[in-house]
Amino acid sequence: MSKIKIGIVGTGSIVKTYQKCIDELADSQLVALYTKSEDRKAVAEKQFGVPVFSTMDDFLENDIDLVCVCNESGRHGEAIMAAARAGKHVLSEKPLETTPEKIDKIIEVCADHSVKLGCTLQNRCGTPYQRVLSAVRSGKLGKPIMGNAHINWYRNESYYADSDWKGTREYDGGAAFINQGIHTIDLLLHLMGPVTSVFGKVDTLVHDIEGEDVGAAILNFRNGAIGNITAGTALYPGYPERIDIYGEKGSILMEGGNVKAWNVKDASSAPQISDEIHGSGAADPEAIGHQNHKMVIADMIAAIRNDRSPMVDGAEARKAVAVINAIYEASQKGHLVDLSE
């Protein structure tokens, strides 16, 4: 079986994770990178050991089956659509883009050119999370009552000062919610289902950035449950992300990717609670491991080979971005935002 040839857009720190995953997957091969920076080209070629191109056209002329998009969030769309128009399948880092409207355009272009579109929301792959999802979907918690997500993280000043895009509205889409919070918010929505309305407040209290470094939101879910989200990058020293799920028959709490409490009336369903090391970006964005990324890339390769949808397609990736943008809108306008349509 021939290997899936992969090209990567971007040369930042996350690319090292992708390279490690690709090297460990027997049926994939990294063949090229793209960077818009001429200054980065020679350094990246030495670092990654493959040709690096500084124009998108030259990059896409290569024999590439799958393009992994790992550049600035607000530039995902242009890279994804360029790859799709060149007939390349696409796996993009989160968020797929910074607004649901931009994601709708991406989905349309990928469909028009018959290419697969996936998004890396790798926290869905964790074994403890899969146990929680199974318990919720099978009804072990009974009627949903409340679902909460807390991403109370910390980033020092250099995290933003050393970047020309992080924390900007144009290229980050905001900050704590859409960058750091989106993985945990995605899990919350995956567990609790669609959101019908949100009210929220975000603010910038510590960092010198355009986006928010602290915020909170209240959610109303279609199933009748309520919930809340808190997120921040100014909450020293940074605590592991947490999800709390409550139903009429019990509750499950996750922290840092592990199950910390399982209090369900059907005691036979309780898994062994452990402190497996999954990696949390609470204070260090590079502290997250690569195994879940590897599972996402392997799934994307299988989706291409078997002509099926990837685990997180464009429609799934859109959901968290739509909720986060509604939180921003609610904060700006000072009223509840309806998402029921």
C-alpha atoms as a PDB file:
ATOM      1  CA  MET A   1       0.000   0.000   0.000  1.00  0.00           C
ATOM      2  CA  SER A   2       1.421   3.376  -0.990  1.00  0.00           C
ATOM      3  CA  LYS A   3       1.957   5.963   1.712  1.00  0.00           C
ATOM      4  CA  ILE A   4      -0.254   9.028   2.075  1.00  0.00           C
ATOM      5  CA  LYS A   5       1.962  11.988   1.215  1.00  0.00           C
ATOM      6  CA  ILE A   6       1.473  14.874   3.614  1.00  0.00           C
ATOM      7  CA  GLY A   7       2.333  18.536   3.315  1.00  0.00           C
ATOM      8  CA  ILE A   8       2.092  20.977   6.207  1.00  0.00           C
ATOM      9  CA  VAL A   9       1.175  24.662   6.101  1.00  0.00           C
ATOM     10  CA  GLY A  10       3.150  26.397   8.833  1.00  0.00           C
ATOM     11  CA  THR A  11       6.463  25.849  10.620  1.00  0.00           C
ATOM     12  CA  GLY A  12       5.566  26.705  14.237  1.00  0.00           C
ATOM     13  CA  SER A  13       5.916  24.544  17.336  1.00  0.00           C
ATOM     14  CA  ILE A  14       2.824  22.427  16.605  1.00  0.00           C
ATOM     15  CA  VAL A  15       4.455  21.200  13.387  1.00  0.00           C
ATOM     16  CA  LYS A  16       6.971  19.238  15.471  1.00  0.00           C
ATOM     17  CA  THR A  17       4.024  17.314  16.926  1.00  0.00           C
ATOM     18  CA  TYR A  18       2.663  16.566  13.456  1.00  0.00           C
ATOM     19  CA  GLN A  19       6.070  15.456  12.213  1.00  0.00           C
ATOM     20  CA  LYS A  20       6.444  13.077  15.150  1.00  0.00           C
ATOM     21  CA  CYS A  21       2.998  11.575  14.491  1.00  0.00           C
ATOM     22  CA  ILE A  22       3.629  11.191  10.752  1.00  0.00           C
ATOM     23  CA  ASP A  23       7.007   9.549  11.379  1.00  0.00           C
ATOM     24  CA  GLU A  24       5.344   7.012  13.697  1.00  0.00           C
ATOM     25  CA  LEU A  25       2.545   6.148  11.253  1.00  0.00           C
ATOM     26  CA  ALA A  26       3.681   3.472   8.816  1.00  0.00           C
ATOM     27  CA  ASP A  27       1.390   4.590   5.987  1.00  0.00           C
ATOM     28  CA  SER A  28       2.217   8.317   5.927  1.00  0.00           C
ATOM     29  CA  GLN A  29       5.144  10.443   4.813  1.00  0.00           C
ATOM     30  CA  LEU A  30       5.927  14.125   5.298  1.00  0.00           C
ATOM     31  CA  VAL A  31       7.030  15.510   1.915  1.00  0.00           C
ATOM     32  CA  ALA A  32       6.835  19.326   2.055  1.00  0.00           C
ATOM     33  CA  LEU A  33       6.153  22.398   4.182  1.00  0.00           C
ATOM     34  CA  TYR A  34       4.917  25.885   3.415  1.00  0.00           C
ATOM     35  CA  THR A  35       5.812  29.098   5.222  1.00  0.00           C
ATOM     36  CA  LYS A  36       5.045  32.647   4.151  1.00  0.00           C
ATOM     37  CA  SER A  37       8.325  33.739   5.730  1.00  0.00           C
ATOM     38  CA  GLU A  38      11.415  33.647   3.508  1.00  0.00           C
ATOM     39  CA  ASP A  39      13.489  34.014   6.690  1.00  0.00           C
ATOM     40  CA  ARG A  40      12.030  30.781   8.094  1.00  0.00           C
ATOM     41  CA  LYS A  41      12.545  28.710   4.961  1.00  0.00           C
ATOM     42  CA  ALA A  42      16.191  27.656   5.399  1.00  0.00           C
ATOM     43  CA  VAL A  43      15.795  27.124   9.145  1.00  0.00           C
ATOM     44  CA  ALA A  44      12.688  24.974   8.647  1.00  0.00           C
ATOM     45  CA  GLU A  45      14.326  22.856   5.914  1.00  0.00           C
ATOM     46  CA  LYS A  46      17.141  22.021   8.308  1.00  0.00           C
ATOM     47  CA  GLN A  47      14.753  21.441  11.218  1.00  0.00           C
ATOM     48  CA  PHE A  48      12.224  19.210   9.419  1.00  0.00           C
ATOM     49  CA  GLY A  49      14.344  17.646   6.697  1.00  0.00           C
ATOM     50  CA  VAL A  50      11.927  18.225   3.807  1.00  0.00           C
ATOM     51  CA  PRO A  51      11.621  20.920   1.128  1.00  0.00           C
ATOM     52  CA  VAL A  52      10.031  24.138   2.382  1.00  0.00           C
ATOM     53  CA  PHE A  53       8.232  26.478  -0.012  1.00  0.00           C
ATOM     54  CA  SER A  54       7.489  30.176   0.448  1.00  0.00           C
ATOM     55  CA  THR A  55       4.647  30.410  -2.081  1.00  0.00           C
ATOM     56  CA  MET A  56       1.427  28.437  -1.784  1.00  0.00           C
ATOM     57  CA  ASP A  57       1.354  27.666  -5.508  1.00  0.00           C
ATOM     58  CA  ASP A  58       4.821  26.076  -5.416  1.00  0.00           C
ATOM     59  CA  PHE A  59       3.903  24.099  -2.302  1.00  0.00           C
ATOM     60  CA  LEU A  60       0.690  22.742  -3.817  1.00  0.00           C
ATOM     61  CA  GLU A  61       2.421  21.686  -7.044  1.00  0.00           C
ATOM     62  CA  ASN A  62       4.030  18.867  -5.054  1.00  0.00           C
ATOM     63  CA  ASP A  63       2.673  15.322  -5.048  1.00  0.00           C
ATOM     64  CA  ILE A  64       0.615  15.758  -1.864  1.00  0.00           C
ATOM     65  CA  ASP A  65      -2.448  13.745  -0.828  1.00  0.00           C
ATOM     66  CA  LEU A  66      -3.200  15.511   2.444  1.00  0.00           C
ATOM     67  CA  VAL A  67      -2.486  19.063   3.567  1.00  0.00           C
ATOM     68  CA  CYS A  68      -2.285  19.674   7.315  1.00  0.00           C
ATOM     69  CA  VAL A  69      -3.012  23.336   8.071  1.00  0.00           C
ATOM     70  CA  CYS A  70      -1.046  24.543  11.104  1.00  0.00           C
ATOM     71  CA  ASN A  71      -0.621  28.275  10.576  1.00  0.00           C
ATOM     72  CA  GLU A  72      -2.405  31.194  12.264  1.00  0.00           C
ATOM     73  CA  SER A  73      -6.080  30.535  12.990  1.00  0.00           C
ATOM     74  CA  GLY A  74      -7.279  33.492  10.931  1.00  0.00           C
ATOM     75  CA  ARG A  75      -5.333  32.237   7.924  1.00  0.00           C
ATOM     76  CA  HIS A  76      -6.689  28.687   8.039  1.00  0.00           C
ATOM     77  CA  GLY A  77      -9.450  29.471   5.578  1.00  0.00           C
ATOM     78  CA  GLU A  78      -7.276  30.757   2.762  1.00  0.00           C
ATOM     79  CA  ALA A  79      -4.901  27.786   3.128  1.00  0.00           C
ATOM     80  CA  ILE A  80      -7.726  25.229   3.289  1.00  0.00           C
ATOM     81  CA  MET A  81      -9.496  26.630   0.237  1.00  0.00           C
ATOM     82  CA  ALA A  82      -6.268  26.845  -1.760  1.00  0.00           C
ATOM     83  CA  ALA A  83      -5.524  23.202  -0.961  1.00  0.00           C
ATOM     84  CA  ALA A  84      -9.082  22.135  -1.796  1.00  0.00           C
ATOM     85  CA  ARG A  85      -8.983  23.911  -5.159  1.00  0.00           C
ATOM     86  CA  ALA A  86      -5.755  22.019  -5.882  1.00  0.00           C
ATOM     87  CA  GLY A  87      -7.556  18.729  -5.151  1.00  0.00           C
ATOM     88  CA  LYS A  88      -5.822  18.042  -1.824  1.00  0.00           C
ATOM     89  CA  HIS A  89      -7.608  16.648   1.223  1.00  0.00           C
ATOM     90  CA  VAL A  90      -7.296  18.861   4.312  1.00  0.00           C
ATOM     91  CA  LEU A  91      -6.825  18.352   8.049  1.00  0.00           C
ATOM     92  CA  SER A  92      -6.746  21.673   9.896  1.00  0.00           C
ATOM     93  CA  GLU A  93      -5.711  22.578  13.400  1.00  0.00           C
ATOM     94  CA  LYS A  94      -8.408  24.089  15.587  1.00  0.00           C
ATOM     95  CA  PRO A  95     -10.279  26.298  15.124  1.00  0.00           C
ATOM     96  CA  LEU A  96     -11.191  25.538  11.539  1.00  0.00           C
ATOM     97  CA  GLU A  97     -11.580  29.322  11.170  1.00  0.00           C
ATOM     98  CA  THR A  98     -12.426  32.217  13.450  1.00  0.00           C
ATOM     99  CA  THR A  99     -16.143  32.633  12.565  1.00  0.00           C
ATOM    100  CA  PRO A 100     -18.942  30.243  11.567  1.00  0.00           C
ATOM    101  CA  GLU A 101     -19.490  32.235   8.373  1.00  0.00           C
ATOM    102  CA  LYS A 102     -15.906  31.613   7.267  1.00  0.00           C
ATOM    103  CA  ILE A 103     -16.295  27.926   8.115  1.00  0.00           C
ATOM    104  CA  ASP A 104     -19.444  27.730   5.989  1.00  0.00           C
ATOM    105  CA  LYS A 105     -17.437  29.002   3.007  1.00  0.00           C
ATOM    106  CA  ILE A 106     -14.654  26.475   3.684  1.00  0.00           C
ATOM    107  CA  ILE A 107     -17.149  23.604   3.815  1.00  0.00           C
ATOM    108  CA  GLU A 108     -18.703  24.755   0.530  1.00  0.00           C
ATOM    109  CA  VAL A 109     -15.367  24.961  -1.292  1.00  0.00           C
ATOM    110  CA  CYS A 110     -14.215  21.550  -0.041  1.00  0.00           C
ATOM    111  CA  ALA A 111     -17.522  19.984  -1.104  1.00  0.00           C
ATOM    112  CA  ASP A 112     -17.330  21.629  -4.530  1.00  0.00           C
ATOM    113  CA  HIS A 113     -13.886  20.087  -5.088  1.00  0.00           C
ATOM    114  CA  SER A 114     -14.748  16.691  -3.568  1.00  0.00           C
ATOM    115  CA  VAL A 115     -12.012  16.710  -0.934  1.00  0.00           C
ATOM    116  CA  LYS A 116     -12.178  15.491   2.667  1.00  0.00           C
ATOM    117  CA  LEU A 117     -12.150  18.166   5.375  1.00  0.00           C
ATOM    118  CA  GLY A 118     -11.172  17.338   8.948  1.00  0.00           C
ATOM    119  CA  CYS A 119     -10.336  19.350  12.048  1.00  0.00           C
ATOM    120  CA  THR A 120      -7.905  18.394  14.810  1.00  0.00           C
ATOM    121  CA  LEU A 121      -9.920  18.334  18.021  1.00  0.00           C
ATOM    122  CA  GLN A 122      -7.786  15.579  19.471  1.00  0.00           C
ATOM    123  CA  ASN A 123      -9.132  15.618  23.024  1.00  0.00           C
ATOM    124  CA  ARG A 124     -12.076  13.562  21.775  1.00  0.00           C
ATOM    125  CA  CYS A 125      -9.656  10.634  21.433  1.00  0.00           C
ATOM    126  CA  GLY A 126      -8.719  10.289  25.106  1.00  0.00           C
ATOM    127  CA  THR A 127      -9.723   6.960  26.665  1.00  0.00           C
ATOM    128  CA  PRO A 128     -11.202   8.512  29.853  1.00  0.00           C
ATOM    129  CA  TYR A 129     -13.252  10.925  27.731  1.00  0.00           C
ATOM    130  CA  GLN A 130     -14.549   8.076  25.585  1.00  0.00           C
ATOM    131  CA  ARG A 131     -15.762   6.309  28.770  1.00  0.00           C
ATOM    132  CA  VAL A 132     -17.587   9.461  29.845  1.00  0.00           C
ATOM    133  CA  LEU A 133     -19.120   9.902  26.389  1.00  0.00           C
ATOM    134  CA  SER A 134     -20.337   6.300  26.417  1.00  0.00           C
ATOM    135  CA  ALA A 135     -21.934   6.756  29.845  1.00  0.00           C
ATOM    136  CA  VAL A 136     -23.712   9.938  28.775  1.00  0.00           C
ATOM    137  CA  ARG A 137     -24.866   8.610  25.398  1.00  0.00           C
ATOM    138  CA  SER A 138     -26.158   5.357  26.935  1.00  0.00           C
ATOM    139  CA  GLY A 139     -28.284   7.256  29.443  1.00  0.00           C
ATOM    140  CA  LYS A 140     -26.477   6.151  32.614  1.00  0.00           C
ATOM    141  CA  LEU A 141     -26.718   9.701  34.000  1.00  0.00           C
ATOM    142  CA  GLY A 142     -30.386   9.981  33.079  1.00  0.00           C
ATOM    143  CA  LYS A 143     -31.899  13.295  32.045  1.00  0.00           C
ATOM    144  CA  PRO A 144     -29.155  15.930  31.527  1.00  0.00           C
ATOM    145  CA  ILE A 145     -29.311  18.745  34.077  1.00  0.00           C
ATOM    146  CA  MET A 146     -26.064  20.715  33.858  1.00  0.00           C
ATOM    147  CA  GLY A 147     -22.800  20.720  31.901  1.00  0.00           C
ATOM    148  CA  ASN A 148     -19.890  22.998  32.799  1.00  0.00           C
ATOM    149  CA  ALA A 149     -16.448  23.643  31.312  1.00  0.00           C
ATOM    150  CA  HIS A 150     -13.601  25.513  32.979  1.00  0.00           C
ATOM    151  CA  ILE A 151     -10.396  26.416  31.163  1.00  0.00           C
ATOM    152  CA  ASN A 152      -8.771  28.583  33.811  1.00  0.00           C
ATOM    153  CA  TRP A 153      -5.304  28.773  32.344  1.00  0.00           C
ATOM    154  CA  TYR A 154      -2.325  31.091  32.456  1.00  0.00           C
ATOM    155  CA  ARG A 155      -0.021  32.520  29.810  1.00  0.00           C
ATOM    156  CA  ASN A 156       2.869  34.822  30.626  1.00  0.00           C
ATOM    157  CA  GLU A 157       3.465  38.113  28.836  1.00  0.00           C
ATOM    158  CA  SER A 158       6.023  36.659  26.417  1.00  0.00           C
ATOM    159  CA  TYR A 159       3.437  34.207  25.057  1.00  0.00           C
ATOM    160  CA  TYR A 160       1.670  37.141  23.416  1.00  0.00           C
ATOM    161  CA  ALA A 161       4.570  39.575  23.081  1.00  0.00           C
ATOM    162  CA  ASP A 162       6.656  37.080  21.087  1.00  0.00           C
ATOM    163  CA  SER A 163       3.828  36.462  18.583  1.00  0.00           C
ATOM    164  CA  ASP A 164       2.457  38.733  15.879  1.00  0.00           C
ATOM    165  CA  TRP A 165      -0.940  37.001  15.821  1.00  0.00           C
ATOM    166  CA  LYS A 166      -1.858  35.449  19.190  1.00  0.00           C
ATOM    167  CA  GLY A 167      -4.502  37.462  20.979  1.00  0.00           C
ATOM    168  CA  THR A 168      -5.434  39.447  17.871  1.00  0.00           C
ATOM    169  CA  ARG A 169      -9.008  39.538  16.607  1.00  0.00           C
ATOM    170  CA  GLU A 170      -7.982  39.164  12.961  1.00  0.00           C
ATOM    171  CA  TYR A 171      -5.733  36.119  13.239  1.00  0.00           C
ATOM    172  CA  ASP A 172      -6.637  34.524  16.602  1.00  0.00           C
ATOM    173  CA  GLY A 173     -10.324  35.405  16.475  1.00  0.00           C
ATOM    174  CA  GLY A 174     -10.158  36.449  20.140  1.00  0.00           C
ATOM    175  CA  ALA A 175      -8.032  34.722  22.742  1.00  0.00           C
ATOM    176  CA  ALA A 176      -8.857  32.550  25.780  1.00  0.00           C
ATOM    177  CA  PHE A 177     -12.132  31.083  24.502  1.00  0.00           C
ATOM    178  CA  ILE A 178     -11.349  30.438  20.833  1.00  0.00           C
ATOM    179  CA  ASN A 179      -7.689  29.509  21.253  1.00  0.00           C
ATOM    180  CA  GLN A 180      -7.176  27.835  24.633  1.00  0.00           C
ATOM    181  CA  GLY A 181     -10.795  27.036  25.471  1.00  0.00           C
ATOM    182  CA  ILE A 182     -12.044  25.532  22.244  1.00  0.00           C
ATOM    183  CA  HIS A 183     -10.900  21.942  22.906  1.00  0.00           C
ATOM    184  CA  THR A 184     -12.780  21.712  26.205  1.00  0.00           C
ATOM    185  CA  ILE A 185     -15.792  23.587  24.846  1.00  0.00           C
ATOM    186  CA  ASP A 186     -15.900  21.099  21.965  1.00  0.00           C
ATOM    187  CA  LEU A 187     -16.020  18.216  24.465  1.00  0.00           C
ATOM    188  CA  LEU A 188     -18.775  19.911  26.447  1.00  0.00           C
ATOM    189  CA  LEU A 189     -20.927  20.323  23.325  1.00  0.00           C
ATOM    190  CA  HIS A 190     -20.127  16.777  22.210  1.00  0.00           C
ATOM    191  CA  LEU A 191     -21.422  15.507  25.565  1.00  0.00           C
ATOM    192  CA  MET A 192     -24.368  17.856  26.087  1.00  0.00           C
ATOM    193  CA  GLY A 193     -25.618  18.466  22.559  1.00  0.00           C
ATOM    194  CA  PRO A 194     -26.714  21.644  20.761  1.00  0.00           C
ATOM    195  CA  VAL A 195     -26.907  25.037  22.463  1.00  0.00           C
ATOM    196  CA  THR A 196     -30.009  27.177  21.920  1.00  0.00           C
ATOM    197  CA  SER A 197     -28.858  30.422  23.554  1.00  0.00           C
ATOM    198  CA  VAL A 198     -25.914  31.944  25.397  1.00  0.00           C
ATOM    199  CA  PHE A 199     -25.147  34.922  27.571  1.00  0.00           C
ATOM    200  CA  GLY A 200     -21.569  35.883  28.247  1.00  0.00           C
ATOM    201  CA  LYS A 201     -19.054  38.450  29.388  1.00  0.00           C
ATOM    202  CA  VAL A 202     -15.431  38.595  28.280  1.00  0.00           C
ATOM    203  CA  ASP A 203     -12.770  41.134  29.186  1.00  0.00           C
ATOM    204  CA  THR A 204      -9.059  41.880  28.932  1.00  0.00           C
ATOM    205  CA  LEU A 205      -7.769  42.532  32.431  1.00  0.00           C
ATOM    206  CA  VAL A 206      -4.069  41.623  32.471  1.00  0.00           C
ATOM    207  CA  HIS A 207      -2.479  41.114  29.053  1.00  0.00           C
ATOM    208  CA  ASP A 208      -1.869  43.769  26.414  1.00  0.00           C
ATOM    209  CA  ILE A 209      -3.931  42.032  23.704  1.00  0.00           C
ATOM    210  CA  GLU A 210      -7.067  42.675  21.652  1.00  0.00           C
ATOM    211  CA  GLY A 211      -8.740  39.411  22.641  1.00  0.00           C
ATOM    212  CA  GLU A 212     -10.032  38.366  26.047  1.00  0.00           C
ATOM    213  CA  ASP A 213      -7.885  36.969  28.832  1.00  0.00           C
ATOM    214  CA  VAL A 214     -10.844  36.203  31.116  1.00  0.00           C
ATOM    215  CA  GLY A 215     -14.520  35.446  30.565  1.00  0.00           C
ATOM    216  CA  ALA A 216     -17.621  33.534  31.608  1.00  0.00           C
ATOM    217  CA  ALA A 217     -20.774  32.357  29.876  1.00  0.00           C
ATOM    218  CA  ILE A 218     -24.138  30.765  30.642  1.00  0.00           C
ATOM    219  CA  LEU A 219     -25.511  28.209  28.164  1.00  0.00           C
ATOM    220  CA  ASN A 220     -28.990  26.847  27.529  1.00  0.00           C
ATOM    221  CA  PHE A 221     -28.943  23.431  25.847  1.00  0.00           C
ATOM    222  CA  ARG A 222     -31.633  22.084  23.541  1.00  0.00           C
ATOM    223  CA  ASN A 223     -32.205  19.130  25.876  1.00  0.00           C
ATOM    224  CA  GLY A 224     -33.275  21.513  28.655  1.00  0.00           C
ATOM    225  CA  ALA A 225     -30.041  21.465  30.630  1.00  0.00           C
ATOM    226  CA  ILE A 226     -28.083  24.583  31.544  1.00  0.00           C
ATOM    227  CA  GLY A 227     -24.362  25.118  31.855  1.00  0.00           C
ATOM    228  CA  ASN A 228     -21.538  27.548  32.264  1.00  0.00           C
ATOM    229  CA  ILE A 229     -18.081  28.101  30.856  1.00  0.00           C
ATOM    230  CA  THR A 230     -15.187  30.027  32.359  1.00  0.00           C
ATOM    231  CA  ALA A 231     -11.962  30.614  30.454  1.00  0.00           C
ATOM    232  CA  GLY A 232      -8.850  32.685  30.869  1.00  0.00           C
ATOM    233  CA  THR A 233      -5.154  33.100  30.218  1.00  0.00           C
ATOM    234  CA  ALA A 234      -4.594  35.455  33.155  1.00  0.00           C
ATOM    235  CA  LEU A 235      -5.531  32.996  35.918  1.00  0.00           C
ATOM    236  CA  TYR A 236      -2.195  32.301  37.617  1.00  0.00           C
ATOM    237  CA  PRO A 237      -0.740  29.728  37.924  1.00  0.00           C
ATOM    238  CA  GLY A 238      -3.138  27.969  35.546  1.00  0.00           C
ATOM    239  CA  TYR A 239      -5.209  24.935  36.503  1.00  0.00           C
ATOM    240  CA  PRO A 240      -6.022  21.786  34.498  1.00  0.00           C
ATOM    241  CA  GLU A 241      -9.114  22.149  32.331  1.00  0.00           C
ATOM    242  CA  ARG A 242     -12.259  20.664  33.854  1.00  0.00           C
ATOM    243  CA  ILE A 243     -15.622  19.340  32.673  1.00  0.00           C
ATOM    244  CA  ASP A 244     -18.531  18.647  35.038  1.00  0.00           C
ATOM    245  CA  ILE A 245     -21.519  16.679  33.741  1.00  0.00           C
ATOM    246  CA  TYR A 246     -24.644  16.320  35.892  1.00  0.00           C
ATOM    247  CA  GLY A 247     -27.725  14.204  35.232  1.00  0.00           C
ATOM    248  CA  GLU A 248     -30.696  13.177  37.332  1.00  0.00           C
ATOM    249  CA  LYS A 249     -28.935   9.869  38.129  1.00  0.00           C
ATOM    250  CA  GLY A 250     -25.485  11.180  38.958  1.00  0.00           C
ATOM    251  CA  SER A 251     -22.449  13.155  37.906  1.00  0.00           C
ATOM    252  CA  ILE A 252     -19.020  12.751  36.345  1.00  0.00           C
ATOM    253  CA  LEU A 253     -16.130  15.181  36.706  1.00  0.00           C
ATOM    254  CA  MET A 254     -13.076  15.280  34.441  1.00  0.00           C
ATOM    255  CA  GLU A 255      -9.884  17.242  35.024  1.00  0.00           C
ATOM    256  CA  GLY A 256      -6.834  17.417  32.789  1.00  0.00           C
ATOM    257  CA  GLY A 257      -8.207  14.611  30.609  1.00  0.00           C
ATOM    258  CA  ASN A 258      -8.768  12.220  33.534  1.00  0.00           C
ATOM    259  CA  VAL A 259     -11.934  11.162  35.344  1.00  0.00           C
ATOM    260  CA  LYS A 260     -11.692  12.626  38.849  1.00  0.00           C
ATOM    261  CA  ALA A 261     -15.159  11.694  40.164  1.00  0.00           C
ATOM    262  CA  TRP A 262     -17.767   9.188  38.987  1.00  0.00           C
ATOM    263  CA  ASN A 263     -20.863   9.302  41.185  1.00  0.00           C
ATOM    264  CA  VAL A 264     -23.550   7.498  39.230  1.00  0.00           C
ATOM    265  CA  LYS A 265     -26.353   5.458  40.819  1.00  0.00           C
ATOM    266  CA  ASP A 266     -25.500   2.564  38.500  1.00  0.00           C
ATOM    267  CA  ALA A 267     -22.239   1.875  40.348  1.00  0.00           C
ATOM    268  CA  SER A 268     -21.393  -1.038  38.065  1.00  0.00           C
ATOM    269  CA  SER A 269     -20.653   1.440  35.271  1.00  0.00           C
ATOM    270  CA  ALA A 270     -17.868   3.221  37.152  1.00  0.00           C
ATOM    271  CA  PRO A 271     -14.409   2.907  35.581  1.00  0.00           C
ATOM    272  CA  GLN A 272     -11.259   2.772  37.616  1.00  0.00           C
ATOM    273  CA  ILE A 273     -10.264   6.331  38.399  1.00  0.00           C
ATOM    274  CA  SER A 274      -6.618   6.951  37.628  1.00  0.00           C
ATOM    275  CA  ASP A 275      -4.128   9.750  37.235  1.00  0.00           C
ATOM    276  CA  GLU A 276      -2.937   8.904  33.752  1.00  0.00           C
ATOM    277  CA  ILE A 277      -0.747  11.619  32.309  1.00  0.00           C
ATOM    278  CA  HIS A 278      -2.544  13.084  29.313  1.00  0.00           C
ATOM    279  CA  GLY A 279      -0.908  16.511  29.345  1.00  0.00           C
ATOM    280  CA  SER A 280      -2.628  19.812  30.005  1.00  0.00           C
ATOM    281  CA  GLY A 281      -1.739  23.175  28.536  1.00  0.00           C
ATOM    282  CA  ALA A 282      -2.774  24.950  31.741  1.00  0.00           C
ATOM    283  CA  ALA A 283       0.500  26.863  31.990  1.00  0.00           C
ATOM    284  CA  ASP A 284       2.654  25.501  29.154  1.00  0.00           C
ATOM    285  CA  PRO A 285       1.218  25.149  25.627  1.00  0.00           C
ATOM    286  CA  GLU A 286       3.913  22.601  24.735  1.00  0.00           C
ATOM    287  CA  ALA A 287       3.098  20.273  27.643  1.00  0.00           C
ATOM    288  CA  ILE A 288       0.446  18.424  25.644  1.00  0.00           C
ATOM    289  CA  GLY A 289       1.427  14.960  24.357  1.00  0.00           C
ATOM    290  CA  HIS A 290       1.162  13.763  20.760  1.00  0.00           C
ATOM    291  CA  GLN A 291      -0.735  10.456  20.989  1.00  0.00           C
ATOM    292  CA  ASN A 292      -4.198  11.963  20.480  1.00  0.00           C
ATOM    293  CA  HIS A 293      -2.907  13.964  17.506  1.00  0.00           C
ATOM    294  CA  LYS A 294      -1.573  10.709  16.104  1.00  0.00           C
ATOM    295  CA  MET A 295      -5.019   9.123  16.369  1.00  0.00           C
ATOM    296  CA  VAL A 296      -6.602  12.075  14.550  1.00  0.00           C
ATOM    297  CA  ILE A 297      -4.081  11.888  11.699  1.00  0.00           C
ATOM    298  CA  ALA A 298      -4.507   8.103  11.455  1.00  0.00           C
ATOM    299  CA  ASP A 299      -8.280   8.560  11.299  1.00  0.00           C
ATOM    300  CA  MET A 300      -7.915  11.176   8.557  1.00  0.00           C
ATOM    301  CA  ILE A 301      -5.749   8.812   6.529  1.00  0.00           C
ATOM    302  CA  ALA A 302      -8.363   6.061   6.982  1.00  0.00           C
ATOM    303  CA  ALA A 303     -11.100   8.486   5.899  1.00  0.00           C
ATOM    304  CA  ILE A 304      -9.200   9.182   2.666  1.00  0.00           C
ATOM    305  CA  ARG A 305      -8.510   5.513   1.973  1.00  0.00           C
ATOM    306  CA  ASN A 306     -12.057   4.360   2.796  1.00  0.00           C
ATOM    307  CA  ASP A 307     -13.919   7.355   1.343  1.00  0.00           C
ATOM    308  CA  ARG A 308     -15.693   8.286   4.588  1.00  0.00           C
ATOM    309  CA  SER A 309     -15.972  11.365   6.776  1.00  0.00           C
ATOM    310  CA  PRO A 310     -13.225  12.026   9.343  1.00  0.00           C
ATOM    311  CA  MET A 311     -14.062  11.924  13.055  1.00  0.00           C
ATOM    312  CA  VAL A 312     -14.460  15.722  13.161  1.00  0.00           C
ATOM    313  CA  ASP A 313     -15.658  17.123   9.850  1.00  0.00           C
ATOM    314  CA  GLY A 314     -16.423  20.743   8.988  1.00  0.00           C
ATOM    315  CA  ALA A 315     -19.938  20.695  10.430  1.00  0.00           C
ATOM    316  CA  GLU A 316     -18.695  19.275  13.740  1.00  0.00           C
ATOM    317  CA  ALA A 317     -15.792  21.731  13.914  1.00  0.00           C
ATOM    318  CA  ARG A 318     -18.211  24.627  13.332  1.00  0.00           C
ATOM    319  CA  LYS A 319     -20.237  23.989  16.501  1.00  0.00           C
ATOM    320  CA  ALA A 320     -17.761  25.227  19.107  1.00  0.00           C
ATOM    321  CA  VAL A 321     -16.776  28.225  16.971  1.00  0.00           C
ATOM    322  CA  ALA A 322     -20.448  29.234  16.650  1.00  0.00           C
ATOM    323  CA  VAL A 323     -20.961  29.068  20.429  1.00  0.00           C
ATOM    324  CA  ILE A 324     -17.751  30.994  21.143  1.00  0.00           C
ATOM    325  CA  ASN A 325     -18.670  33.712  18.640  1.00  0.00           C
ATOM    326  CA  ALA A 326     -22.118  33.945  20.237  1.00  0.00           C
ATOM    327  CA  ILE A 327     -20.430  34.462  23.630  1.00  0.00           C
ATOM    328  CA  TYR A 328     -18.386  37.295  22.130  1.00  0.00           C
ATOM    329  CA  GLU A 329     -21.530  38.810  20.616  1.00  0.00           C
ATOM    330  CA  ALA A 330     -23.443  38.518  23.890  1.00  0.00           C
ATOM    331  CA  SER A 331     -20.616  40.269  25.721  1.00  0.00           C
ATOM    332  CA  GLN A 332     -20.471  43.066  23.178  1.00  0.00           C
ATOM    333  CA  LYS A 333     -24.234  43.646  23.010  1.00  0.00           C
ATOM    334  CA  GLY A 334     -25.063  42.865  26.624  1.00  0.00           C
ATOM    335  CA  HIS A 335     -27.933  40.494  25.920  1.00  0.00           C
ATOM    336  CA  LEU A 336     -28.789  36.844  25.325  1.00  0.00           C
ATOM    337  CA  VAL A 337     -27.843  35.527  21.861  1.00  0.00           C
ATOM    338  CA  ASP A 338     -30.181  33.018  20.197  1.00  0.00           C
ATOM    339  CA  LEU A 339     -28.596  29.986  18.503  1.00  0.00           C
ATOM    340  CA  SER A 340     -31.766  27.954  18.057  1.00  0.00           C
ATOM    341  CA  GLU A 341     -31.981  28.266  14.263  1.00  0.00           C
END
